[in-house]
């Protein structure tokens, strides 16, 4: 009954009108407090600190892209391996893959990043710690943390894709004389990935958005740069709006 009402043109126009009315009320609420937008903070050099804040934001975009691409590639590899292992007939391998998926899927990414950055170095010698931090350890922590976390989610998506392949197709492939590796690379994985393109794409997007948490370990990504701009200029609306547009 409700779906039929929503299909009516006048109902759709009414809903659209209510949305526009709310938007108009919101902007009126903002301007009632006489907030003056100043987008120039992003386009001119800050004389106090000698920084071009818009350029700093673009540097953050570059770091975000690097972290997202590297972690996504690593997550896809981890997810594929874990997805295959979850379907293995070798029980120890299946148990390890299950533990990996369940553990990293059910613990917060923020806690995992804290562990990789603050806890793990404590287990290493002083010399190794200094060497790691000399290599921009915070950047690689973000890549590693995102890869391990996203890989656990991708493993389940890939496992579902693998299970969608008909057994008759696999039997026909084996009967034609193909080895397991040939069947895996020429039939199983291509068909599985074709079936899971939409959910896998969502995981890539989630990975990119989760990269914003890299700021908590000192990575100067988009989110970190927007917070710096806000603290230097007190222009939080402009800074976060610019960061949002760059993420899009």
C-alpha atoms as a PDB file:
ATOM      1  CA  UNK A   1       0.000   0.000   0.000  1.00  0.00           C
ATOM      2  CA  UNK A   2       2.762   2.426   0.952  1.00  0.00           C
ATOM      3  CA  UNK A   3       4.775   1.615  -2.169  1.00  0.00           C
ATOM      4  CA  UNK A   4       1.765   2.437  -4.347  1.00  0.00           C
ATOM      5  CA  UNK A   5       1.360   5.814  -2.660  1.00  0.00           C
ATOM      6  CA  UNK A   6       5.042   6.600  -3.166  1.00  0.00           C
ATOM      7  CA  UNK A   7       4.713   5.866  -6.881  1.00  0.00           C
ATOM      8  CA  UNK A   8       2.235   8.716  -7.317  1.00  0.00           C
ATOM      9  CA  UNK A   9       3.722  11.828  -8.901  1.00  0.00           C
ATOM     10  CA  UNK A  10       2.183  14.279  -6.437  1.00  0.00           C
ATOM     11  CA  UNK A  11       3.625  12.343  -3.488  1.00  0.00           C
ATOM     12  CA  UNK A  12       7.094  12.432  -5.028  1.00  0.00           C
ATOM     13  CA  UNK A  13       6.842  16.181  -5.638  1.00  0.00           C
ATOM     14  CA  UNK A  14       5.619  16.659  -2.069  1.00  0.00           C
ATOM     15  CA  UNK A  15       8.611  14.787  -0.648  1.00  0.00           C
ATOM     16  CA  UNK A  16      10.971  16.769  -2.878  1.00  0.00           C
ATOM     17  CA  UNK A  17       9.344  20.015  -1.746  1.00  0.00           C
ATOM     18  CA  UNK A  18       9.765  19.065   1.908  1.00  0.00           C
ATOM     19  CA  UNK A  19      13.444  18.308   1.336  1.00  0.00           C
ATOM     20  CA  UNK A  20      13.975  21.671  -0.371  1.00  0.00           C
ATOM     21  CA  UNK A  21      12.070  23.436   2.408  1.00  0.00           C
ATOM     22  CA  UNK A  22      14.289  21.812   5.020  1.00  0.00           C
ATOM     23  CA  UNK A  23      17.407  22.830   3.073  1.00  0.00           C
ATOM     24  CA  UNK A  24      16.141  26.422   2.865  1.00  0.00           C
ATOM     25  CA  UNK A  25      15.375  26.435   6.596  1.00  0.00           C
ATOM     26  CA  UNK A  26      18.822  25.067   7.387  1.00  0.00           C
ATOM     27  CA  UNK A  27      20.619  27.731   5.368  1.00  0.00           C
ATOM     28  CA  UNK A  28      18.417  30.367   6.946  1.00  0.00           C
ATOM     29  CA  UNK A  29      19.380  28.994  10.349  1.00  0.00           C
ATOM     30  CA  UNK A  30      23.059  29.279   9.426  1.00  0.00           C
ATOM     31  CA  UNK A  31      22.795  32.826   8.103  1.00  0.00           C
ATOM     32  CA  UNK A  32      20.752  33.881  11.123  1.00  0.00           C
ATOM     33  CA  UNK A  33      23.969  33.680  13.088  1.00  0.00           C
ATOM     34  CA  UNK A  34      25.675  35.845  10.457  1.00  0.00           C
ATOM     35  CA  UNK A  35      28.266  33.245   9.530  1.00  0.00           C
ATOM     36  CA  UNK A  36      30.512  34.735   6.873  1.00  0.00           C
ATOM     37  CA  UNK A  37      32.073  32.254   4.508  1.00  0.00           C
ATOM     38  CA  UNK A  38      35.711  32.810   3.664  1.00  0.00           C
ATOM     39  CA  UNK A  39      36.883  30.370   1.015  1.00  0.00           C
ATOM     40  CA  UNK A  40      39.986  32.458   0.382  1.00  0.00           C
ATOM     41  CA  UNK A  41      41.785  30.599   3.187  1.00  0.00           C
ATOM     42  CA  UNK A  42      42.139  27.706   0.747  1.00  0.00           C
ATOM     43  CA  UNK A  43      43.445  29.731  -2.190  1.00  0.00           C
ATOM     44  CA  UNK A  44      45.863  32.286  -0.750  1.00  0.00           C
ATOM     45  CA  UNK A  45      49.023  31.854   1.272  1.00  0.00           C
ATOM     46  CA  UNK A  46      48.550  32.225   4.994  1.00  0.00           C
ATOM     47  CA  UNK A  47      50.767  35.150   5.990  1.00  0.00           C
ATOM     48  CA  UNK A  48      50.986  34.096   9.633  1.00  0.00           C
ATOM     49  CA  UNK A  49      52.316  30.596   9.013  1.00  0.00           C
ATOM     50  CA  UNK A  50      53.726  30.996   5.499  1.00  0.00           C
ATOM     51  CA  UNK A  51      51.676  28.087   4.167  1.00  0.00           C
ATOM     52  CA  UNK A  52      49.373  27.730   1.194  1.00  0.00           C
ATOM     53  CA  UNK A  53      46.659  25.760   2.970  1.00  0.00           C
ATOM     54  CA  UNK A  54      44.917  24.658  -0.207  1.00  0.00           C
ATOM     55  CA  UNK A  55      48.173  23.160  -1.452  1.00  0.00           C
ATOM     56  CA  UNK A  56      48.620  21.367   1.871  1.00  0.00           C
ATOM     57  CA  UNK A  57      45.156  19.881   1.424  1.00  0.00           C
ATOM     58  CA  UNK A  58      46.137  18.608  -2.034  1.00  0.00           C
ATOM     59  CA  UNK A  59      49.257  17.034  -0.524  1.00  0.00           C
ATOM     60  CA  UNK A  60      46.933  15.223   1.856  1.00  0.00           C
ATOM     61  CA  UNK A  61      44.921  14.035  -1.144  1.00  0.00           C
ATOM     62  CA  UNK A  62      48.079  12.557  -2.641  1.00  0.00           C
ATOM     63  CA  UNK A  63      48.823  10.639   0.559  1.00  0.00           C
ATOM     64  CA  UNK A  64      45.238   9.405   0.764  1.00  0.00           C
ATOM     65  CA  UNK A  65      45.417   8.085  -2.800  1.00  0.00           C
ATOM     66  CA  UNK A  66      48.726   6.327  -2.124  1.00  0.00           C
ATOM     67  CA  UNK A  67      47.449   4.686   1.059  1.00  0.00           C
ATOM     68  CA  UNK A  68      44.166   3.666  -0.579  1.00  0.00           C
ATOM     69  CA  UNK A  69      45.781   2.104  -3.655  1.00  0.00           C
ATOM     70  CA  UNK A  70      48.522   0.232  -1.791  1.00  0.00           C
ATOM     71  CA  UNK A  71      46.206  -1.066   0.920  1.00  0.00           C
ATOM     72  CA  UNK A  72      43.527  -2.046  -1.621  1.00  0.00           C
ATOM     73  CA  UNK A  73      46.020  -4.075  -3.666  1.00  0.00           C
ATOM     74  CA  UNK A  74      47.329  -5.817  -0.549  1.00  0.00           C
ATOM     75  CA  UNK A  75      43.792  -6.386   0.766  1.00  0.00           C
ATOM     76  CA  UNK A  76      42.726  -7.983  -2.516  1.00  0.00           C
ATOM     77  CA  UNK A  77      45.664 -10.391  -2.347  1.00  0.00           C
ATOM     78  CA  UNK A  78      44.985 -11.223   1.305  1.00  0.00           C
ATOM     79  CA  UNK A  79      41.264 -11.565   0.683  1.00  0.00           C
ATOM     80  CA  UNK A  80      41.766 -13.890  -2.280  1.00  0.00           C
ATOM     81  CA  UNK A  81      44.152 -16.111  -0.330  1.00  0.00           C
ATOM     82  CA  UNK A  82      41.873 -16.173   2.723  1.00  0.00           C
ATOM     83  CA  UNK A  83      38.770 -16.791   0.612  1.00  0.00           C
ATOM     84  CA  UNK A  84      40.400 -19.788  -1.056  1.00  0.00           C
ATOM     85  CA  UNK A  85      41.708 -21.050   2.285  1.00  0.00           C
ATOM     86  CA  UNK A  86      38.218 -20.829   3.798  1.00  0.00           C
ATOM     87  CA  UNK A  87      37.064 -23.395   1.228  1.00  0.00           C
ATOM     88  CA  UNK A  88      40.096 -25.639   1.598  1.00  0.00           C
ATOM     89  CA  UNK A  89      39.661 -29.285   2.611  1.00  0.00           C
ATOM     90  CA  UNK A  90      42.829 -28.981   4.711  1.00  0.00           C
ATOM     91  CA  UNK A  91      41.372 -28.216   8.144  1.00  0.00           C
ATOM     92  CA  UNK A  92      44.385 -26.402   9.714  1.00  0.00           C
ATOM     93  CA  UNK A  93      44.529 -24.002   6.772  1.00  0.00           C
ATOM     94  CA  UNK A  94      40.780 -23.435   6.930  1.00  0.00           C
ATOM     95  CA  UNK A  95      40.988 -22.816  10.683  1.00  0.00           C
ATOM     96  CA  UNK A  96      43.742 -20.201  10.281  1.00  0.00           C
ATOM     97  CA  UNK A  97      41.775 -18.403   7.559  1.00  0.00           C
ATOM     98  CA  UNK A  98      38.601 -18.484   9.656  1.00  0.00           C
ATOM     99  CA  UNK A  99      40.426 -17.045  12.662  1.00  0.00           C
ATOM    100  CA  UNK A 100      41.903 -14.267  10.523  1.00  0.00           C
ATOM    101  CA  UNK A 101      38.542 -13.310   9.040  1.00  0.00           C
ATOM    102  CA  UNK A 102      36.572 -13.452  12.282  1.00  0.00           C
ATOM    103  CA  UNK A 103      39.207 -11.679  14.371  1.00  0.00           C
ATOM    104  CA  UNK A 104      39.872  -8.722  12.081  1.00  0.00           C
ATOM    105  CA  UNK A 105      36.253  -8.293  10.997  1.00  0.00           C
ATOM    106  CA  UNK A 106      35.037  -8.106  14.587  1.00  0.00           C
ATOM    107  CA  UNK A 107      37.574  -5.701  16.061  1.00  0.00           C
ATOM    108  CA  UNK A 108      37.505  -1.943  15.358  1.00  0.00           C
ATOM    109  CA  UNK A 109      39.920  -0.627  12.761  1.00  0.00           C
ATOM    110  CA  UNK A 110      40.906   2.209  15.094  1.00  0.00           C
ATOM    111  CA  UNK A 111      42.023  -0.257  17.771  1.00  0.00           C
ATOM    112  CA  UNK A 112      43.974  -2.237  15.183  1.00  0.00           C
ATOM    113  CA  UNK A 113      45.807   0.886  14.022  1.00  0.00           C
ATOM    114  CA  UNK A 114      46.666   1.730  17.617  1.00  0.00           C
ATOM    115  CA  UNK A 115      48.060  -1.781  18.072  1.00  0.00           C
ATOM    116  CA  UNK A 116      50.226  -1.673  14.937  1.00  0.00           C
ATOM    117  CA  UNK A 117      51.563   1.795  15.760  1.00  0.00           C
ATOM    118  CA  UNK A 118      51.875   1.879  19.553  1.00  0.00           C
ATOM    119  CA  UNK A 119      51.964  -1.736  20.760  1.00  0.00           C
ATOM    120  CA  UNK A 120      53.881  -3.667  18.093  1.00  0.00           C
ATOM    121  CA  UNK A 121      57.061  -1.496  18.226  1.00  0.00           C
ATOM    122  CA  UNK A 122      57.297  -2.190  21.969  1.00  0.00           C
ATOM    123  CA  UNK A 123      58.036  -5.830  21.137  1.00  0.00           C
ATOM    124  CA  UNK A 124      61.017  -4.855  18.981  1.00  0.00           C
ATOM    125  CA  UNK A 125      64.517  -3.767  19.889  1.00  0.00           C
ATOM    126  CA  UNK A 126      65.425  -0.091  20.083  1.00  0.00           C
ATOM    127  CA  UNK A 127      67.489  -0.266  16.909  1.00  0.00           C
ATOM    128  CA  UNK A 128      64.681  -1.860  14.918  1.00  0.00           C
ATOM    129  CA  UNK A 129      62.195   0.717  16.225  1.00  0.00           C
ATOM    130  CA  UNK A 130      64.422   3.600  15.155  1.00  0.00           C
ATOM    131  CA  UNK A 131      64.882   2.025  11.731  1.00  0.00           C
ATOM    132  CA  UNK A 132      61.128   1.575  11.277  1.00  0.00           C
ATOM    133  CA  UNK A 133      60.286   5.133  12.257  1.00  0.00           C
ATOM    134  CA  UNK A 134      62.989   6.436   9.928  1.00  0.00           C
ATOM    135  CA  UNK A 135      61.039   4.819   7.059  1.00  0.00           C
ATOM    136  CA  UNK A 136      57.823   6.774   7.793  1.00  0.00           C
ATOM    137  CA  UNK A 137      56.422   3.968   9.904  1.00  0.00           C
ATOM    138  CA  UNK A 138      53.075   5.745  10.332  1.00  0.00           C
ATOM    139  CA  UNK A 139      52.455   5.599   6.570  1.00  0.00           C
ATOM    140  CA  UNK A 140      53.147   1.868   6.381  1.00  0.00           C
ATOM    141  CA  UNK A 141      51.083   1.247   9.518  1.00  0.00           C
ATOM    142  CA  UNK A 142      48.117   2.843   7.755  1.00  0.00           C
ATOM    143  CA  UNK A 143      48.684   0.685   4.668  1.00  0.00           C
ATOM    144  CA  UNK A 144      49.129  -2.489   6.715  1.00  0.00           C
ATOM    145  CA  UNK A 145      46.200  -1.809   9.034  1.00  0.00           C
ATOM    146  CA  UNK A 146      43.805  -1.048   6.190  1.00  0.00           C
ATOM    147  CA  UNK A 147      45.015  -4.011   4.136  1.00  0.00           C
ATOM    148  CA  UNK A 148      44.563  -6.523   6.947  1.00  0.00           C
ATOM    149  CA  UNK A 149      41.184  -5.084   7.962  1.00  0.00           C
ATOM    150  CA  UNK A 150      39.721  -4.755   4.466  1.00  0.00           C
ATOM    151  CA  UNK A 151      41.202  -8.089   3.394  1.00  0.00           C
ATOM    152  CA  UNK A 152      39.101  -9.850   6.034  1.00  0.00           C
ATOM    153  CA  UNK A 153      35.916  -8.404   4.531  1.00  0.00           C
ATOM    154  CA  UNK A 154      37.035  -9.125   0.980  1.00  0.00           C
ATOM    155  CA  UNK A 155      37.717 -12.743   1.939  1.00  0.00           C
ATOM    156  CA  UNK A 156      34.027 -13.337   2.633  1.00  0.00           C
ATOM    157  CA  UNK A 157      32.983 -11.590  -0.574  1.00  0.00           C
ATOM    158  CA  UNK A 158      35.428 -13.664  -2.609  1.00  0.00           C
ATOM    159  CA  UNK A 159      34.386 -16.854  -0.828  1.00  0.00           C
ATOM    160  CA  UNK A 160      30.783 -16.176  -1.831  1.00  0.00           C
ATOM    161  CA  UNK A 161      31.899 -15.661  -5.423  1.00  0.00           C
ATOM    162  CA  UNK A 162      33.816 -18.927  -5.411  1.00  0.00           C
ATOM    163  CA  UNK A 163      30.824 -20.816  -4.035  1.00  0.00           C
ATOM    164  CA  UNK A 164      28.602 -19.415  -6.801  1.00  0.00           C
ATOM    165  CA  UNK A 165      30.487 -21.391  -9.470  1.00  0.00           C
ATOM    166  CA  UNK A 166      28.623 -24.509 -10.563  1.00  0.00           C
ATOM    167  CA  UNK A 167      30.296 -27.807  -9.724  1.00  0.00           C
ATOM    168  CA  UNK A 168      29.485 -29.191 -13.153  1.00  0.00           C
ATOM    169  CA  UNK A 169      31.660 -26.528 -14.740  1.00  0.00           C
ATOM    170  CA  UNK A 170      34.595 -27.499 -12.548  1.00  0.00           C
ATOM    171  CA  UNK A 171      34.110 -31.190 -13.248  1.00  0.00           C
ATOM    172  CA  UNK A 172      34.118 -30.480 -16.973  1.00  0.00           C
ATOM    173  CA  UNK A 173      37.339 -28.494 -16.610  1.00  0.00           C
ATOM    174  CA  UNK A 174      39.082 -31.273 -14.693  1.00  0.00           C
ATOM    175  CA  UNK A 175      37.847 -33.918 -17.130  1.00  0.00           C
ATOM    176  CA  UNK A 176      39.437 -31.975 -19.993  1.00  0.00           C
ATOM    177  CA  UNK A 177      42.854 -32.518 -18.410  1.00  0.00           C
ATOM    178  CA  UNK A 178      43.445 -29.128 -16.790  1.00  0.00           C
ATOM    179  CA  UNK A 179      45.464 -28.996 -13.584  1.00  0.00           C
ATOM    180  CA  UNK A 180      44.142 -27.387 -10.398  1.00  0.00           C
ATOM    181  CA  UNK A 181      46.259 -24.273 -10.954  1.00  0.00           C
ATOM    182  CA  UNK A 182      44.978 -23.935 -14.518  1.00  0.00           C
ATOM    183  CA  UNK A 183      41.374 -24.354 -13.396  1.00  0.00           C
ATOM    184  CA  UNK A 184      41.923 -21.821 -10.625  1.00  0.00           C
ATOM    185  CA  UNK A 185      43.500 -19.128 -12.792  1.00  0.00           C
ATOM    186  CA  UNK A 186      41.515 -19.647 -16.005  1.00  0.00           C
ATOM    187  CA  UNK A 187      38.053 -20.571 -14.738  1.00  0.00           C
ATOM    188  CA  UNK A 188      37.442 -20.239 -10.997  1.00  0.00           C
ATOM    189  CA  UNK A 189      38.912 -16.803 -10.250  1.00  0.00           C
ATOM    190  CA  UNK A 190      37.742 -15.058 -13.469  1.00  0.00           C
ATOM    191  CA  UNK A 191      34.160 -16.270 -12.977  1.00  0.00           C
ATOM    192  CA  UNK A 192      34.190 -15.534  -9.253  1.00  0.00           C
ATOM    193  CA  UNK A 193      35.495 -11.985  -9.676  1.00  0.00           C
ATOM    194  CA  UNK A 194      32.988 -11.290 -12.428  1.00  0.00           C
ATOM    195  CA  UNK A 195      30.171 -12.237 -10.048  1.00  0.00           C
ATOM    196  CA  UNK A 196      31.413 -10.098  -7.149  1.00  0.00           C
ATOM    197  CA  UNK A 197      32.305  -6.854  -8.921  1.00  0.00           C
ATOM    198  CA  UNK A 198      29.556  -4.777  -7.171  1.00  0.00           C
ATOM    199  CA  UNK A 199      30.293  -5.872  -3.561  1.00  0.00           C
ATOM    200  CA  UNK A 200      34.027  -5.814  -4.207  1.00  0.00           C
ATOM    201  CA  UNK A 201      33.707  -2.259  -5.494  1.00  0.00           C
ATOM    202  CA  UNK A 202      31.947  -1.327  -2.260  1.00  0.00           C
ATOM    203  CA  UNK A 203      34.852  -2.748  -0.271  1.00  0.00           C
ATOM    204  CA  UNK A 204      37.318  -0.646  -2.264  1.00  0.00           C
ATOM    205  CA  UNK A 205      35.244   2.458  -1.505  1.00  0.00           C
ATOM    206  CA  UNK A 206      35.042   1.556   2.186  1.00  0.00           C
ATOM    207  CA  UNK A 207      38.794   1.089   2.224  1.00  0.00           C
ATOM    208  CA  UNK A 208      39.318   4.560   0.794  1.00  0.00           C
ATOM    209  CA  UNK A 209      36.945   6.134   3.319  1.00  0.00           C
ATOM    210  CA  UNK A 210      38.514   4.219   6.201  1.00  0.00           C
ATOM    211  CA  UNK A 211      41.871   5.722   5.243  1.00  0.00           C
ATOM    212  CA  UNK A 212      40.698   8.868   7.051  1.00  0.00           C
ATOM    213  CA  UNK A 213      41.527   7.071  10.314  1.00  0.00           C
ATOM    214  CA  UNK A 214      45.205   7.173   9.352  1.00  0.00           C
ATOM    215  CA  UNK A 215      45.334  10.639  10.900  1.00  0.00           C
ATOM    216  CA  UNK A 216      45.288   9.087  14.388  1.00  0.00           C
ATOM    217  CA  UNK A 217      48.775   7.647  13.815  1.00  0.00           C
ATOM    218  CA  UNK A 218      50.152  10.887  12.390  1.00  0.00           C
ATOM    219  CA  UNK A 219      49.576  10.491   8.651  1.00  0.00           C
ATOM    220  CA  UNK A 220      48.970  13.891   7.042  1.00  0.00           C
ATOM    221  CA  UNK A 221      46.113  12.760   4.813  1.00  0.00           C
ATOM    222  CA  UNK A 222      43.098  14.818   3.719  1.00  0.00           C
ATOM    223  CA  UNK A 223      41.355  14.570   7.084  1.00  0.00           C
ATOM    224  CA  UNK A 224      44.491  15.528   9.012  1.00  0.00           C
ATOM    225  CA  UNK A 225      45.130  18.506   6.745  1.00  0.00           C
ATOM    226  CA  UNK A 226      41.537  19.726   7.062  1.00  0.00           C
ATOM    227  CA  UNK A 227      41.842  19.623  10.846  1.00  0.00           C
ATOM    228  CA  UNK A 228      45.091  21.572  10.628  1.00  0.00           C
ATOM    229  CA  UNK A 229      43.421  24.216   8.470  1.00  0.00           C
ATOM    230  CA  UNK A 230      40.579  24.481  10.972  1.00  0.00           C
ATOM    231  CA  UNK A 231      42.970  24.893  13.900  1.00  0.00           C
ATOM    232  CA  UNK A 232      45.012  27.555  12.080  1.00  0.00           C
ATOM    233  CA  UNK A 233      42.168  29.603  10.603  1.00  0.00           C
ATOM    234  CA  UNK A 234      39.097  28.645  12.682  1.00  0.00           C
ATOM    235  CA  UNK A 235      37.324  27.972   9.380  1.00  0.00           C
ATOM    236  CA  UNK A 236      36.009  24.500  10.094  1.00  0.00           C
ATOM    237  CA  UNK A 237      33.116  24.659   7.630  1.00  0.00           C
ATOM    238  CA  UNK A 238      35.324  25.599   4.696  1.00  0.00           C
ATOM    239  CA  UNK A 239      38.055  23.104   5.619  1.00  0.00           C
ATOM    240  CA  UNK A 240      35.786  20.103   6.107  1.00  0.00           C
ATOM    241  CA  UNK A 241      33.683  20.971   3.058  1.00  0.00           C
ATOM    242  CA  UNK A 242      36.812  21.061   0.893  1.00  0.00           C
ATOM    243  CA  UNK A 243      37.938  17.723   2.342  1.00  0.00           C
ATOM    244  CA  UNK A 244      34.520  16.213   1.641  1.00  0.00           C
ATOM    245  CA  UNK A 245      34.622  17.382  -1.982  1.00  0.00           C
ATOM    246  CA  UNK A 246      38.092  15.882  -2.431  1.00  0.00           C
ATOM    247  CA  UNK A 247      36.908  12.531  -1.069  1.00  0.00           C
ATOM    248  CA  UNK A 248      34.093  12.551  -3.616  1.00  0.00           C
END
